[in-house]
Amino acid sequence: MEGQIELADYLESLEKQGFSILDYIGIGRENAKTRQQLCICAGVQDRAVRELIHQARREAAILNMQDGKGYFIPDMGRHEEQMLLARYVQQEESRMKSVGWSLKGARKMLTESGIDWRDYGKSKQG
């Protein structure tokens, strides 16, 4: 719609201003913040917080134990939080392998149809 800014453009403008969601996420499980709390602290909508967390995970480990307490950066000086992070990495590695295997048949079908899935949908720029 005219006059509305796209989420990606909005997030990019926040980055240029030096904004980081990491400034609002506490270290240690006892300092976890819910997404709603992060929205209030950061002054952005839920969708933006979710995307900011997604992007920030490239820079830092951000955990959410799905216990309703929210997001936190593990305190690496505490053994129990080291173990939480290790379990998180194991879980995500397993998930990544599972997704890879589930895509095998789809990639095979595309290849057999003569379609290179890596190029599909890319816009051609002059």
C-alpha atoms as a PDB file:
ATOM      1  CA  MET A   1       0.000   0.000   0.000  1.00  0.00           C
ATOM      2  CA  GLU A   2       1.091   3.509  -0.686  1.00  0.00           C
ATOM      3  CA  GLY A   3       2.737   5.208   2.263  1.00  0.00           C
ATOM      4  CA  GLN A   4       3.485   1.957   4.085  1.00  0.00           C
ATOM      5  CA  ILE A   5       7.030   0.828   4.676  1.00  0.00           C
ATOM      6  CA  GLU A   6       7.974  -2.797   4.108  1.00  0.00           C
ATOM      7  CA  LEU A   7       9.158  -4.729   7.170  1.00  0.00           C
ATOM      8  CA  ALA A   8      12.578  -5.392   5.620  1.00  0.00           C
ATOM      9  CA  ASP A   9      13.070  -1.675   4.911  1.00  0.00           C
ATOM     10  CA  TYR A  10      11.961  -0.790   8.438  1.00  0.00           C
ATOM     11  CA  LEU A  11      14.352  -3.296  10.007  1.00  0.00           C
ATOM     12  CA  GLU A  12      17.191  -2.061   7.824  1.00  0.00           C
ATOM     13  CA  SER A  13      16.514   1.497   8.986  1.00  0.00           C
ATOM     14  CA  LEU A  14      16.679   0.323  12.607  1.00  0.00           C
ATOM     15  CA  GLU A  15      20.062  -1.321  11.976  1.00  0.00           C
ATOM     16  CA  LYS A  16      21.389   1.896  10.472  1.00  0.00           C
ATOM     17  CA  GLN A  17      20.357   3.692  13.665  1.00  0.00           C
ATOM     18  CA  GLY A  18      22.419   1.217  15.693  1.00  0.00           C
ATOM     19  CA  PHE A  19      19.349  -0.580  17.059  1.00  0.00           C
ATOM     20  CA  SER A  20      19.854  -4.185  18.148  1.00  0.00           C
ATOM     21  CA  ILE A  21      17.319  -6.484  19.761  1.00  0.00           C
ATOM     22  CA  LEU A  22      20.283  -7.961  21.639  1.00  0.00           C
ATOM     23  CA  ASP A  23      20.272  -4.795  23.751  1.00  0.00           C
ATOM     24  CA  TYR A  24      16.913  -5.925  25.190  1.00  0.00           C
ATOM     25  CA  ILE A  25      17.501  -9.669  25.623  1.00  0.00           C
ATOM     26  CA  GLY A  26      18.930 -10.580  29.008  1.00  0.00           C
ATOM     27  CA  ILE A  27      21.835 -12.886  29.761  1.00  0.00           C
ATOM     28  CA  GLY A  28      20.831 -15.878  31.851  1.00  0.00           C
ATOM     29  CA  ARG A  29      17.575 -17.792  31.955  1.00  0.00           C
ATOM     30  CA  GLU A  30      16.379 -15.811  34.977  1.00  0.00           C
ATOM     31  CA  ASN A  31      16.508 -12.652  32.809  1.00  0.00           C
ATOM     32  CA  ALA A  32      14.383 -14.061  29.983  1.00  0.00           C
ATOM     33  CA  LYS A  33      11.874 -11.716  28.335  1.00  0.00           C
ATOM     34  CA  THR A  34       8.729 -12.667  26.493  1.00  0.00           C
ATOM     35  CA  ARG A  35       8.162 -11.413  22.971  1.00  0.00           C
ATOM     36  CA  GLN A  36       5.475  -9.113  24.330  1.00  0.00           C
ATOM     37  CA  GLN A  37       7.981  -7.618  26.789  1.00  0.00           C
ATOM     38  CA  LEU A  38      10.511  -7.222  23.968  1.00  0.00           C
ATOM     39  CA  CYS A  39       7.886  -5.434  21.860  1.00  0.00           C
ATOM     40  CA  ILE A  40       7.267  -2.969  24.673  1.00  0.00           C
ATOM     41  CA  CYS A  41      10.971  -2.434  25.495  1.00  0.00           C
ATOM     42  CA  ALA A  42      12.028  -2.064  21.870  1.00  0.00           C
ATOM     43  CA  GLY A  43       8.945  -0.168  20.745  1.00  0.00           C
ATOM     44  CA  VAL A  44       8.261  -2.411  17.749  1.00  0.00           C
ATOM     45  CA  GLN A  45       5.487  -4.799  16.708  1.00  0.00           C
ATOM     46  CA  ASP A  46       5.581  -8.568  17.295  1.00  0.00           C
ATOM     47  CA  ARG A  47       6.370  -9.398  13.671  1.00  0.00           C
ATOM     48  CA  ALA A  48       9.382  -7.086  13.771  1.00  0.00           C
ATOM     49  CA  VAL A  49      10.609  -8.620  17.043  1.00  0.00           C
ATOM     50  CA  ARG A  50      10.380 -12.121  15.556  1.00  0.00           C
ATOM     51  CA  GLU A  51      12.401 -11.031  12.526  1.00  0.00           C
ATOM     52  CA  LEU A  52      14.926  -9.155  14.664  1.00  0.00           C
ATOM     53  CA  ILE A  53      15.440 -12.260  16.820  1.00  0.00           C
ATOM     54  CA  HIS A  54      15.847 -14.353  13.687  1.00  0.00           C
ATOM     55  CA  GLN A  55      18.545 -12.004  12.401  1.00  0.00           C
ATOM     56  CA  ALA A  56      20.243 -11.598  15.800  1.00  0.00           C
ATOM     57  CA  ARG A  57      20.684 -15.368  16.086  1.00  0.00           C
ATOM     58  CA  ARG A  58      23.431 -14.980  13.490  1.00  0.00           C
ATOM     59  CA  GLU A  59      25.408 -12.993  16.062  1.00  0.00           C
ATOM     60  CA  ALA A  60      24.487 -14.624  19.368  1.00  0.00           C
ATOM     61  CA  ALA A  61      22.801 -17.685  20.792  1.00  0.00           C
ATOM     62  CA  ILE A  62      19.253 -16.742  21.779  1.00  0.00           C
ATOM     63  CA  LEU A  63      17.274 -19.436  23.516  1.00  0.00           C
ATOM     64  CA  ASN A  64      13.586 -19.806  24.274  1.00  0.00           C
ATOM     65  CA  MET A  65      12.792 -22.836  26.414  1.00  0.00           C
ATOM     66  CA  GLN A  66       9.089 -22.768  25.403  1.00  0.00           C
ATOM     67  CA  ASP A  67       8.172 -22.436  29.070  1.00  0.00           C
ATOM     68  CA  GLY A  68       6.505 -19.056  28.719  1.00  0.00           C
ATOM     69  CA  LYS A  69       9.418 -17.175  30.295  1.00  0.00           C
ATOM     70  CA  GLY A  70      10.779 -15.920  26.994  1.00  0.00           C
ATOM     71  CA  TYR A  71      14.067 -15.344  25.249  1.00  0.00           C
ATOM     72  CA  PHE A  72      17.506 -15.130  26.805  1.00  0.00           C
ATOM     73  CA  ILE A  73      21.181 -15.389  25.967  1.00  0.00           C
ATOM     74  CA  PRO A  74      22.730 -18.279  27.882  1.00  0.00           C
ATOM     75  CA  ASP A  75      25.168 -17.388  30.652  1.00  0.00           C
ATOM     76  CA  MET A  76      28.229 -19.355  29.577  1.00  0.00           C
ATOM     77  CA  GLY A  77      29.649 -19.092  33.077  1.00  0.00           C
ATOM     78  CA  ARG A  78      26.932 -21.471  34.294  1.00  0.00           C
ATOM     79  CA  HIS A  79      27.171 -25.174  33.516  1.00  0.00           C
ATOM     80  CA  GLU A  80      23.398 -25.695  33.275  1.00  0.00           C
ATOM     81  CA  GLU A  81      23.109 -22.973  30.625  1.00  0.00           C
ATOM     82  CA  GLN A  82      26.060 -24.397  28.694  1.00  0.00           C
ATOM     83  CA  MET A  83      24.113 -27.667  28.631  1.00  0.00           C
ATOM     84  CA  LEU A  84      20.931 -25.888  27.478  1.00  0.00           C
ATOM     85  CA  LEU A  85      22.871 -24.366  24.600  1.00  0.00           C
ATOM     86  CA  ALA A  86      24.453 -27.706  23.705  1.00  0.00           C
ATOM     87  CA  ARG A  87      21.013 -29.365  23.641  1.00  0.00           C
ATOM     88  CA  TYR A  88      19.652 -26.520  21.506  1.00  0.00           C
ATOM     89  CA  VAL A  89      22.453 -26.990  18.962  1.00  0.00           C
ATOM     90  CA  GLN A  90      21.855 -30.768  18.900  1.00  0.00           C
ATOM     91  CA  GLN A  91      18.122 -30.209  18.382  1.00  0.00           C
ATOM     92  CA  GLU A  92      18.630 -27.736  15.549  1.00  0.00           C
ATOM     93  CA  GLU A  93      21.271 -29.926  13.870  1.00  0.00           C
ATOM     94  CA  SER A  94      18.804 -32.821  13.975  1.00  0.00           C
ATOM     95  CA  ARG A  95      16.045 -30.596  12.597  1.00  0.00           C
ATOM     96  CA  MET A  96      18.335 -29.418   9.795  1.00  0.00           C
ATOM     97  CA  LYS A  97      19.137 -33.027   8.817  1.00  0.00           C
ATOM     98  CA  SER A  98      15.464 -33.959   8.920  1.00  0.00           C
ATOM     99  CA  VAL A  99      14.503 -31.075   6.646  1.00  0.00           C
ATOM    100  CA  GLY A 100      17.333 -31.993   4.280  1.00  0.00           C
ATOM    101  CA  TRP A 101      16.110 -35.569   4.034  1.00  0.00           C
ATOM    102  CA  SER A 102      12.501 -34.509   3.538  1.00  0.00           C
ATOM    103  CA  LEU A 103      13.552 -32.286   0.630  1.00  0.00           C
ATOM    104  CA  LYS A 104      15.422 -35.104  -1.114  1.00  0.00           C
ATOM    105  CA  GLY A 105      12.336 -36.399  -2.959  1.00  0.00           C
ATOM    106  CA  ALA A 106      11.248 -32.915  -3.989  1.00  0.00           C
ATOM    107  CA  ARG A 107      14.694 -32.059  -5.383  1.00  0.00           C
ATOM    108  CA  LYS A 108      14.792 -35.398  -7.206  1.00  0.00           C
ATOM    109  CA  MET A 109      11.391 -34.769  -8.813  1.00  0.00           C
ATOM    110  CA  LEU A 110      12.474 -31.302  -9.988  1.00  0.00           C
ATOM    111  CA  THR A 111      15.747 -32.647 -11.390  1.00  0.00           C
ATOM    112  CA  GLU A 112      13.918 -35.451 -13.207  1.00  0.00           C
ATOM    113  CA  SER A 113      11.632 -32.778 -14.712  1.00  0.00           C
ATOM    114  CA  GLY A 114      14.636 -30.798 -15.962  1.00  0.00           C
ATOM    115  CA  ILE A 115      14.107 -27.975 -13.455  1.00  0.00           C
ATOM    116  CA  ASP A 116      17.063 -26.525 -11.581  1.00  0.00           C
ATOM    117  CA  TRP A 117      15.469 -25.574  -8.275  1.00  0.00           C
ATOM    118  CA  ARG A 118      18.414 -23.285  -7.399  1.00  0.00           C
ATOM    119  CA  ASP A 119      17.571 -20.973 -10.290  1.00  0.00           C
ATOM    120  CA  TYR A 120      13.801 -21.192 -10.137  1.00  0.00           C
ATOM    121  CA  GLY A 121      12.060 -17.934  -9.276  1.00  0.00           C
ATOM    122  CA  LYS A 122      15.138 -15.738  -9.531  1.00  0.00           C
ATOM    123  CA  SER A 123      14.396 -12.511 -11.320  1.00  0.00           C
ATOM    124  CA  LYS A 124      16.402 -11.837 -14.424  1.00  0.00           C
ATOM    125  CA  GLN A 125      18.214  -8.566 -14.190  1.00  0.00           C
ATOM    126  CA  GLY A 126      19.403  -6.808 -17.349  1.00  0.00           C
END
